[in-house]
C-alpha atoms as a PDB file:
ATOM      1  CA  MET A   1     -66.596  44.811 -57.707  1.00  0.00           C
ATOM      2  CA  THR A   2     -63.690  47.112 -56.767  1.00  0.00           C
ATOM      3  CA  PRO A   3     -60.298  45.350 -56.764  1.00  0.00           C
ATOM      4  CA  ARG A   4     -58.815  44.966 -53.301  1.00  0.00           C
ATOM      5  CA  TRP A   5     -55.661  46.920 -54.125  1.00  0.00           C
ATOM      6  CA  VAL A   6     -57.734  49.875 -55.338  1.00  0.00           C
ATOM      7  CA  ALA A   7     -59.791  49.875 -52.135  1.00  0.00           C
ATOM      8  CA  GLU A   8     -56.574  49.877 -50.102  1.00  0.00           C
ATOM      9  CA  LEU A   9     -54.826  52.541 -52.195  1.00  0.00           C
ATOM     10  CA  VAL A  10     -57.543  55.154 -52.698  1.00  0.00           C
ATOM     11  CA  PRO A  11     -58.153  56.209 -49.041  1.00  0.00           C
ATOM     12  CA  PRO A  12     -54.509  57.083 -48.222  1.00  0.00           C
ATOM     13  CA  ILE A  13     -54.126  58.924 -51.551  1.00  0.00           C
ATOM     14  CA  VAL A  14     -57.274  60.983 -50.948  1.00  0.00           C
ATOM     15  CA  PHE A  15     -56.247  61.708 -47.364  1.00  0.00           C
ATOM     16  CA  GLY A  16     -52.698  62.652 -48.427  1.00  0.00           C
ATOM     17  CA  VAL A  17     -53.907  65.026 -51.146  1.00  0.00           C
ATOM     18  CA  ALA A  18     -56.296  66.650 -48.655  1.00  0.00           C
ATOM     19  CA  VAL A  19     -53.502  67.153 -46.107  1.00  0.00           C
ATOM     20  CA  ILE A  20     -51.213  68.704 -48.737  1.00  0.00           C
ATOM     21  CA  ALA A  21     -54.005  71.009 -49.944  1.00  0.00           C
ATOM     22  CA  LEU A  22     -54.787  72.152 -46.394  1.00  0.00           C
ATOM     23  CA  TRP A  23     -51.077  72.631 -45.731  1.00  0.00           C
ATOM     24  CA  GLU A  24     -50.664  74.805 -48.836  1.00  0.00           C
ATOM     25  CA  ALA A  25     -53.786  76.845 -48.145  1.00  0.00           C
ATOM     26  CA  GLY A  26     -53.054  77.276 -44.441  1.00  0.00           C
ATOM     27  CA  VAL A  27     -49.463  78.433 -44.947  1.00  0.00           C
ATOM     28  CA  ARG A  28     -50.467  80.990 -47.582  1.00  0.00           C
ATOM     29  CA  MET A  29     -53.574  82.278 -45.808  1.00  0.00           C
ATOM     30  CA  LEU A  30     -51.802  82.661 -42.457  1.00  0.00           C
ATOM     31  CA  HIS A  31     -48.635  84.083 -44.104  1.00  0.00           C
ATOM     32  CA  VAL A  32     -46.393  81.616 -42.308  1.00  0.00           C
ATOM     33  CA  PRO A  33     -42.720  82.484 -42.943  1.00  0.00           C
ATOM     34  CA  VAL A  34     -40.944  80.064 -45.275  1.00  0.00           C
ATOM     35  CA  ILE A  35     -38.195  79.623 -42.700  1.00  0.00           C
ATOM     36  CA  ILE A  36     -40.750  78.099 -40.297  1.00  0.00           C
ATOM     37  CA  LEU A  37     -42.859  76.019 -42.674  1.00  0.00           C
ATOM     38  CA  PRO A  38     -42.549  76.265 -46.466  1.00  0.00           C
ATOM     39  CA  PRO A  39     -45.612  75.424 -48.579  1.00  0.00           C
ATOM     40  CA  PRO A  40     -45.650  72.106 -50.459  1.00  0.00           C
ATOM     41  CA  SER A  41     -45.330  73.993 -53.767  1.00  0.00           C
ATOM     42  CA  ALA A  42     -42.003  75.494 -52.627  1.00  0.00           C
ATOM     43  CA  ILE A  43     -40.775  72.052 -51.541  1.00  0.00           C
ATOM     44  CA  ALA A  44     -41.805  70.575 -54.903  1.00  0.00           C
ATOM     45  CA  MET A  45     -39.965  73.395 -56.688  1.00  0.00           C
ATOM     46  CA  ARG A  46     -36.845  72.704 -54.655  1.00  0.00           C
ATOM     47  CA  LEU A  47     -37.113  69.001 -55.450  1.00  0.00           C
ATOM     48  CA  ALA A  48     -37.243  69.800 -59.158  1.00  0.00           C
ATOM     49  CA  THR A  49     -34.430  72.362 -59.183  1.00  0.00           C
ATOM     50  CA  SER A  50     -32.102  70.393 -56.868  1.00  0.00           C
ATOM     51  CA  PHE A  51     -32.755  66.932 -58.306  1.00  0.00           C
ATOM     52  CA  PRO A  52     -29.085  66.168 -59.219  1.00  0.00           C
ATOM     53  CA  THR A  53     -27.920  67.111 -55.705  1.00  0.00           C
ATOM     54  CA  LEU A  54     -30.652  65.111 -54.012  1.00  0.00           C
ATOM     55  CA  ALA A  55     -30.026  62.150 -56.328  1.00  0.00           C
ATOM     56  CA  ALA A  56     -26.354  62.086 -55.292  1.00  0.00           C
ATOM     57  CA  ASP A  57     -27.393  62.338 -51.640  1.00  0.00           C
ATOM     58  CA  PHE A  58     -29.863  59.497 -52.124  1.00  0.00           C
ATOM     59  CA  TRP A  59     -27.323  57.135 -53.671  1.00  0.00           C
ATOM     60  CA  GLN A  60     -24.789  57.870 -50.938  1.00  0.00           C
ATOM     61  CA  THR A  61     -27.308  57.136 -48.181  1.00  0.00           C
ATOM     62  CA  ILE A  62     -28.962  54.124 -49.806  1.00  0.00           C
ATOM     63  CA  LYS A  63     -25.638  52.272 -50.042  1.00  0.00           C
ATOM     64  CA  GLY A  64     -25.299  52.223 -46.279  1.00  0.00           C
ATOM     65  CA  VAL A  65     -28.999  51.424 -45.870  1.00  0.00           C
ATOM     66  CA  LEU A  66     -29.063  48.397 -48.174  1.00  0.00           C
ATOM     67  CA  VAL A  67     -25.740  46.885 -47.098  1.00  0.00           C
ATOM     68  CA  GLY A  68     -26.450  47.358 -43.395  1.00  0.00           C
ATOM     69  CA  TYR A  69     -30.031  46.119 -43.779  1.00  0.00           C
ATOM     70  CA  ALA A  70     -28.922  42.947 -45.548  1.00  0.00           C
ATOM     71  CA  ILE A  71     -26.084  42.162 -43.126  1.00  0.00           C
ATOM     72  CA  GLY A  72     -28.115  42.968 -40.028  1.00  0.00           C
ATOM     73  CA  SER A  73     -31.177  40.994 -41.090  1.00  0.00           C
ATOM     74  CA  VAL A  74     -29.350  37.906 -42.364  1.00  0.00           C
ATOM     75  CA  SER A  75     -27.006  37.740 -39.376  1.00  0.00           C
ATOM     76  CA  GLY A  76     -30.009  38.152 -37.057  1.00  0.00           C
ATOM     77  CA  ILE A  77     -31.646  35.072 -38.590  1.00  0.00           C
ATOM     78  CA  VAL A  78     -28.444  33.021 -38.428  1.00  0.00           C
ATOM     79  CA  VAL A  79     -27.759  33.938 -34.797  1.00  0.00           C
ATOM     80  CA  ALA A  80     -31.415  33.240 -33.913  1.00  0.00           C
ATOM     81  CA  ILE A  81     -30.997  29.668 -35.143  1.00  0.00           C
ATOM     82  CA  LEU A  82     -27.848  29.316 -33.036  1.00  0.00           C
ATOM     83  CA  VAL A  83     -29.665  30.761 -30.035  1.00  0.00           C
ATOM     84  CA  ASP A  84     -32.507  28.310 -30.629  1.00  0.00           C
ATOM     85  CA  ARG A  85     -30.012  25.468 -30.462  1.00  0.00           C
ATOM     86  CA  SER A  86     -28.334  26.663 -27.249  1.00  0.00           C
ATOM     87  CA  GLN A  87     -30.051  27.540 -23.975  1.00  0.00           C
ATOM     88  CA  PHE A  88     -26.806  29.199 -22.858  1.00  0.00           C
ATOM     89  CA  LEU A  89     -26.892  31.632 -25.770  1.00  0.00           C
ATOM     90  CA  GLN A  90     -30.604  32.218 -25.285  1.00  0.00           C
ATOM     91  CA  ARG A  91     -30.130  33.199 -21.659  1.00  0.00           C
ATOM     92  CA  GLY A  92     -27.020  35.260 -22.295  1.00  0.00           C
ATOM     93  CA  LEU A  93     -27.520  36.909 -25.689  1.00  0.00           C
ATOM     94  CA  LEU A  94     -31.180  37.941 -25.613  1.00  0.00           C
ATOM     95  CA  PRO A  95     -30.857  40.138 -22.489  1.00  0.00           C
ATOM     96  CA  LEU A  96     -27.749  41.668 -24.064  1.00  0.00           C
ATOM     97  CA  GLY A  97     -29.789  42.319 -27.201  1.00  0.00           C
ATOM     98  CA  ASN A  98     -32.376  44.201 -25.198  1.00  0.00           C
ATOM     99  CA  LEU A  99     -29.596  46.298 -23.682  1.00  0.00           C
ATOM    100  CA  VAL A 100     -28.039  47.138 -27.047  1.00  0.00           C
ATOM    101  CA  SER A 101     -31.460  47.940 -28.524  1.00  0.00           C
ATOM    102  CA  ALA A 102     -31.918  50.555 -25.797  1.00  0.00           C
ATOM    103  CA  LEU A 103     -28.663  52.354 -26.669  1.00  0.00           C
ATOM    104  CA  PRO A 104     -29.260  55.787 -28.256  1.00  0.00           C
ATOM    105  CA  ILE A 105     -28.299  56.026 -31.900  1.00  0.00           C
ATOM    106  CA  VAL A 106     -26.605  59.380 -31.284  1.00  0.00           C
ATOM    107  CA  GLY A 107     -24.190  57.514 -29.033  1.00  0.00           C
ATOM    108  CA  ILE A 108     -23.537  54.641 -31.434  1.00  0.00           C
ATOM    109  CA  ALA A 109     -23.161  56.696 -34.632  1.00  0.00           C
ATOM    110  CA  PRO A 110     -20.040  58.723 -33.756  1.00  0.00           C
ATOM    111  CA  ILE A 111     -18.298  55.589 -32.488  1.00  0.00           C
ATOM    112  CA  MET A 112     -18.979  53.778 -35.761  1.00  0.00           C
ATOM    113  CA  VAL A 113     -17.754  56.796 -37.733  1.00  0.00           C
ATOM    114  CA  MET A 114     -14.477  56.684 -35.792  1.00  0.00           C
ATOM    115  CA  TRP A 115     -14.154  52.935 -36.339  1.00  0.00           C
ATOM    116  CA  PHE A 116     -15.132  52.661 -40.014  1.00  0.00           C
ATOM    117  CA  GLY A 117     -14.408  56.113 -41.454  1.00  0.00           C
ATOM    118  CA  PHE A 118     -16.571  58.834 -42.960  1.00  0.00           C
ATOM    119  CA  ASP A 119     -17.854  56.968 -46.028  1.00  0.00           C
ATOM    120  CA  TRP A 120     -20.973  54.790 -46.292  1.00  0.00           C
ATOM    121  CA  GLN A 121     -19.335  51.851 -44.481  1.00  0.00           C
ATOM    122  CA  SER A 122     -19.774  53.524 -41.078  1.00  0.00           C
ATOM    123  CA  LYS A 123     -23.455  54.186 -41.870  1.00  0.00           C
ATOM    124  CA  ALA A 124     -23.875  50.534 -42.813  1.00  0.00           C
ATOM    125  CA  ALA A 125     -22.343  49.561 -39.463  1.00  0.00           C
ATOM    126  CA  VAL A 126     -24.884  51.710 -37.609  1.00  0.00           C
ATOM    127  CA  VAL A 127     -27.693  50.114 -39.622  1.00  0.00           C
ATOM    128  CA  VAL A 128     -26.378  46.631 -38.780  1.00  0.00           C
ATOM    129  CA  VAL A 129     -26.529  47.428 -35.060  1.00  0.00           C
ATOM    130  CA  MET A 130     -30.055  48.832 -35.380  1.00  0.00           C
ATOM    131  CA  THR A 131     -31.475  45.986 -37.469  1.00  0.00           C
ATOM    132  CA  PHE A 132     -29.712  42.958 -35.989  1.00  0.00           C
ATOM    133  CA  PHE A 133     -31.529  42.663 -32.668  1.00  0.00           C
ATOM    134  CA  PRO A 134     -35.102  43.253 -33.916  1.00  0.00           C
ATOM    135  CA  MET A 135     -34.512  40.424 -36.381  1.00  0.00           C
ATOM    136  CA  LEU A 136     -32.919  38.233 -33.711  1.00  0.00           C
ATOM    137  CA  VAL A 137     -35.755  38.668 -31.207  1.00  0.00           C
ATOM    138  CA  ASN A 138     -38.525  38.216 -33.773  1.00  0.00           C
ATOM    139  CA  THR A 139     -36.937  35.142 -35.343  1.00  0.00           C
ATOM    140  CA  VAL A 140     -36.405  33.474 -31.966  1.00  0.00           C
ATOM    141  CA  ALA A 141     -40.071  34.083 -31.156  1.00  0.00           C
ATOM    142  CA  GLY A 142     -41.092  32.786 -34.586  1.00  0.00           C
ATOM    143  CA  LEU A 143     -39.107  29.585 -34.221  1.00  0.00           C
ATOM    144  CA  SER A 144     -41.028  28.891 -31.012  1.00  0.00           C
ATOM    145  CA  SER A 145     -44.418  29.493 -32.639  1.00  0.00           C
ATOM    146  CA  ALA A 146     -44.809  26.074 -34.253  1.00  0.00           C
ATOM    147  CA  GLY A 147     -47.529  24.077 -32.518  1.00  0.00           C
ATOM    148  CA  ALA A 148     -46.862  21.068 -30.323  1.00  0.00           C
ATOM    149  CA  MET A 149     -49.008  18.863 -32.551  1.00  0.00           C
ATOM    150  CA  GLU A 150     -46.949  19.710 -35.631  1.00  0.00           C
ATOM    151  CA  ARG A 151     -43.717  19.069 -33.752  1.00  0.00           C
ATOM    152  CA  ASP A 152     -44.982  15.702 -32.557  1.00  0.00           C
ATOM    153  CA  LEU A 153     -45.902  14.855 -36.124  1.00  0.00           C
ATOM    154  CA  MET A 154     -42.349  15.601 -37.265  1.00  0.00           C
ATOM    155  CA  LYS A 155     -41.059  13.321 -34.497  1.00  0.00           C
ATOM    156  CA  THR A 156     -43.254  10.499 -35.744  1.00  0.00           C
ATOM    157  CA  TYR A 157     -41.533  10.924 -39.132  1.00  0.00           C
ATOM    158  CA  ALA A 158     -38.162  10.567 -37.346  1.00  0.00           C
ATOM    159  CA  ALA A 159     -37.179  14.040 -38.551  1.00  0.00           C
ATOM    160  CA  ASP A 160     -34.002  15.451 -37.027  1.00  0.00           C
ATOM    161  CA  TYR A 161     -33.537  19.053 -35.841  1.00  0.00           C
ATOM    162  CA  TRP A 162     -32.560  20.490 -39.219  1.00  0.00           C
ATOM    163  CA  GLN A 163     -35.339  18.706 -41.094  1.00  0.00           C
ATOM    164  CA  THR A 164     -37.871  20.005 -38.565  1.00  0.00           C
ATOM    165  CA  LEU A 165     -36.343  23.474 -38.810  1.00  0.00           C
ATOM    166  CA  LEU A 166     -36.570  23.653 -42.603  1.00  0.00           C
ATOM    167  CA  ALA A 167     -39.910  21.911 -43.049  1.00  0.00           C
ATOM    168  CA  LEU A 168     -41.841  23.286 -40.073  1.00  0.00           C
ATOM    169  CA  ARG A 169     -40.267  25.870 -37.813  1.00  0.00           C
ATOM    170  CA  LEU A 170     -38.781  28.296 -40.353  1.00  0.00           C
ATOM    171  CA  PRO A 171     -42.014  28.440 -42.389  1.00  0.00           C
ATOM    172  CA  ALA A 172     -43.955  29.028 -39.158  1.00  0.00           C
ATOM    173  CA  ALA A 173     -41.516  31.823 -38.282  1.00  0.00           C
ATOM    174  CA  LEU A 174     -41.922  33.663 -41.608  1.00  0.00           C
ATOM    175  CA  PRO A 175     -44.581  36.125 -40.340  1.00  0.00           C
ATOM    176  CA  PHE A 176     -42.255  37.068 -37.471  1.00  0.00           C
ATOM    177  CA  VAL A 177     -39.290  37.397 -39.840  1.00  0.00           C
ATOM    178  CA  PHE A 178     -41.223  39.644 -42.207  1.00  0.00           C
ATOM    179  CA  ASN A 179     -42.466  41.702 -39.280  1.00  0.00           C
ATOM    180  CA  ALA A 180     -38.828  42.362 -38.359  1.00  0.00           C
ATOM    181  CA  LEU A 181     -37.943  43.072 -41.997  1.00  0.00           C
ATOM    182  CA  LYS A 182     -40.686  45.702 -42.178  1.00  0.00           C
ATOM    183  CA  ILE A 183     -39.592  47.279 -38.912  1.00  0.00           C
ATOM    184  CA  ASN A 184     -36.000  47.318 -40.137  1.00  0.00           C
ATOM    185  CA  THR A 185     -36.889  49.241 -43.308  1.00  0.00           C
ATOM    186  CA  THR A 186     -37.601  52.349 -41.250  1.00  0.00           C
ATOM    187  CA  LEU A 187     -34.831  51.715 -38.719  1.00  0.00           C
ATOM    188  CA  ALA A 188     -32.294  51.398 -41.537  1.00  0.00           C
ATOM    189  CA  MET A 189     -33.228  54.755 -43.082  1.00  0.00           C
ATOM    190  CA  ILE A 190     -33.238  56.504 -39.709  1.00  0.00           C
ATOM    191  CA  GLY A 191     -29.929  54.967 -38.689  1.00  0.00           C
ATOM    192  CA  ALA A 192     -28.101  55.859 -41.895  1.00  0.00           C
ATOM    193  CA  ILE A 193     -29.397  59.445 -41.962  1.00  0.00           C
ATOM    194  CA  VAL A 194     -28.621  60.134 -38.291  1.00  0.00           C
ATOM    195  CA  ALA A 195     -25.150  58.603 -38.704  1.00  0.00           C
ATOM    196  CA  GLU A 196     -24.455  61.076 -41.511  1.00  0.00           C
ATOM    197  CA  PHE A 197     -24.883  63.921 -39.033  1.00  0.00           C
ATOM    198  CA  PHE A 198     -21.612  62.825 -37.418  1.00  0.00           C
ATOM    199  CA  GLY A 199     -19.433  62.611 -40.504  1.00  0.00           C
ATOM    200  CA  THR A 200     -19.777  61.914 -44.205  1.00  0.00           C
ATOM    201  CA  PRO A 201     -18.121  62.987 -47.459  1.00  0.00           C
ATOM    202  CA  ILE A 202     -20.066  66.205 -48.317  1.00  0.00           C
ATOM    203  CA  VAL A 203     -22.966  64.144 -49.659  1.00  0.00           C
ATOM    204  CA  GLY A 204     -25.878  62.190 -48.192  1.00  0.00           C
ATOM    205  CA  LEU A 205     -29.396  62.957 -47.015  1.00  0.00           C
ATOM    206  CA  GLY A 206     -28.331  63.355 -43.389  1.00  0.00           C
ATOM    207  CA  PHE A 207     -25.471  65.647 -44.398  1.00  0.00           C
ATOM    208  CA  ARG A 208     -27.838  67.690 -46.566  1.00  0.00           C
ATOM    209  CA  ILE A 209     -30.380  68.100 -43.769  1.00  0.00           C
ATOM    210  CA  SER A 210     -27.802  69.165 -41.168  1.00  0.00           C
ATOM    211  CA  THR A 211     -26.053  71.534 -43.594  1.00  0.00           C
ATOM    212  CA  GLU A 212     -29.184  73.220 -44.905  1.00  0.00           C
ATOM    213  CA  VAL A 213     -30.560  73.724 -41.395  1.00  0.00           C
ATOM    214  CA  GLY A 214     -27.420  75.721 -40.646  1.00  0.00           C
ATOM    215  CA  ARG A 215     -27.964  77.762 -43.815  1.00  0.00           C
ATOM    216  CA  LEU A 216     -31.687  78.199 -43.034  1.00  0.00           C
ATOM    217  CA  GLY A 217     -32.507  76.483 -46.338  1.00  0.00           C
ATOM    218  CA  ILE A 218     -35.638  74.932 -44.868  1.00  0.00           C
ATOM    219  CA  ASP A 219     -37.176  74.151 -48.256  1.00  0.00           C
ATOM    220  CA  MET A 220     -34.127  72.014 -49.066  1.00  0.00           C
ATOM    221  CA  VAL A 221     -34.393  70.336 -45.660  1.00  0.00           C
ATOM    222  CA  TRP A 222     -37.994  69.404 -46.405  1.00  0.00           C
ATOM    223  CA  ALA A 223     -37.034  68.213 -49.881  1.00  0.00           C
ATOM    224  CA  ALA A 224     -34.453  65.842 -48.372  1.00  0.00           C
ATOM    225  CA  ILE A 225     -37.036  64.685 -45.817  1.00  0.00           C
ATOM    226  CA  VAL A 226     -39.498  63.953 -48.647  1.00  0.00           C
ATOM    227  CA  VAL A 227     -36.859  61.876 -50.482  1.00  0.00           C
ATOM    228  CA  ALA A 228     -36.109  59.906 -47.306  1.00  0.00           C
ATOM    229  CA  ALA A 229     -39.801  59.407 -46.502  1.00  0.00           C
ATOM    230  CA  VAL A 230     -40.682  58.246 -50.013  1.00  0.00           C
ATOM    231  CA  THR A 231     -37.688  55.903 -50.071  1.00  0.00           C
ATOM    232  CA  GLY A 232     -38.649  54.392 -46.724  1.00  0.00           C
ATOM    233  CA  SER A 233     -42.274  53.993 -47.799  1.00  0.00           C
ATOM    234  CA  VAL A 234     -41.327  52.287 -51.069  1.00  0.00           C
ATOM    235  CA  PHE A 235     -38.883  50.049 -49.219  1.00  0.00           C
ATOM    236  CA  TYR A 236     -41.591  49.068 -46.725  1.00  0.00           C
ATOM    237  CA  ALA A 237     -44.143  48.468 -49.490  1.00  0.00           C
ATOM    238  CA  LEU A 238     -41.673  46.259 -51.369  1.00  0.00           C
ATOM    239  CA  VAL A 239     -41.058  44.081 -48.299  1.00  0.00           C
ATOM    240  CA  ALA A 240     -44.808  43.924 -47.568  1.00  0.00           C
ATOM    241  CA  GLY A 241     -45.474  42.862 -51.171  1.00  0.00           C
ATOM    242  CA  ILE A 242     -42.893  40.094 -50.925  1.00  0.00           C
ATOM    243  CA  GLU A 243     -44.468  38.999 -47.643  1.00  0.00           C
ATOM    244  CA  ARG A 244     -47.865  38.631 -49.316  1.00  0.00           C
ATOM    245  CA  ARG A 245     -46.424  36.444 -52.037  1.00  0.00           C
ATOM    246  CA  VAL A 246     -44.339  34.296 -49.702  1.00  0.00           C
ATOM    247  CA  THR A 247     -46.761  33.828 -46.779  1.00  0.00           C
ATOM    248  CA  PHE A 248     -50.083  33.713 -48.641  1.00  0.00           C
ATOM    249  CA  TRP A 249     -50.620  30.201 -47.269  1.00  0.00           C
ATOM    250  CA  HIS A 250     -50.029  31.093 -43.636  1.00  0.00           C
ATOM    251  CA  ALA A 251     -52.945  31.286 -41.201  1.00  0.00           C
ATOM    252  CA  SER A 252     -51.957  34.778 -40.026  1.00  0.00           C
ATOM    253  CA  TYR A 253     -52.159  36.080 -43.588  1.00  0.00           C
ATOM    254  CA  ARG A 254     -55.492  34.372 -44.258  1.00  0.00           C
ATOM    255  CA  ALA A 255     -56.847  35.956 -41.064  1.00  0.00           C
ATOM    256  CA  ARG A 256     -55.920  39.397 -42.396  1.00  0.00           C
ATOM    257  CA  GLU A 257     -57.688  38.622 -45.663  1.00  0.00           C
ATOM    258  CA  VAL A 258     -61.011  37.909 -43.925  1.00  0.00           C
END
């Protein structure tokens, strides 16, 4: 019997290899100019030859991603608990969260650069703004997902709010929390890279993309995109793997296993 992880991993690998092969063959057969679409072999060559530069760009960007992701996600959970305790906050903060979530990142990023400077701190601030409200909204919904029967059972045990929160409502909210964490992995990468378009010390994936576009170094642009895409995919896979280990007991996870 084929292991489950093999069955899940083989199809995307086969499909990805097929897409890359068709891309390479199509670009070469149709003589597409490199400035429009370089072949995957040229991108791979650029990745190999520019590895030190891309590594420095990666470390500059990932600092803002990780710090902003952690602050935004943790603060979203904490504020969600406060909102759950207060109807006033729930009525006032959640609509405001929807408003802030609709703000364009290209409007937020330059403001944060002016406030926090050109280094990674301003990118982390952009990531905090982008990740805070998805976590807040999902956690509030998760805290409300516990069934009435389970809540009544906790009342029969004379459990107070915090005991019910820790023993019942937070565990029931874990699928919602992890859903927000997975969403935030991509939002964090996008936010940090776009923020680097508006100011950064001559390093960073966003800086590299914007600079090389101006120089028409499209192969380098694609190499930076590959680094960002792989980083985001690994980040997402890591969070999804943690989710499987933490919520293996939850009904929503068991339903996916069927």
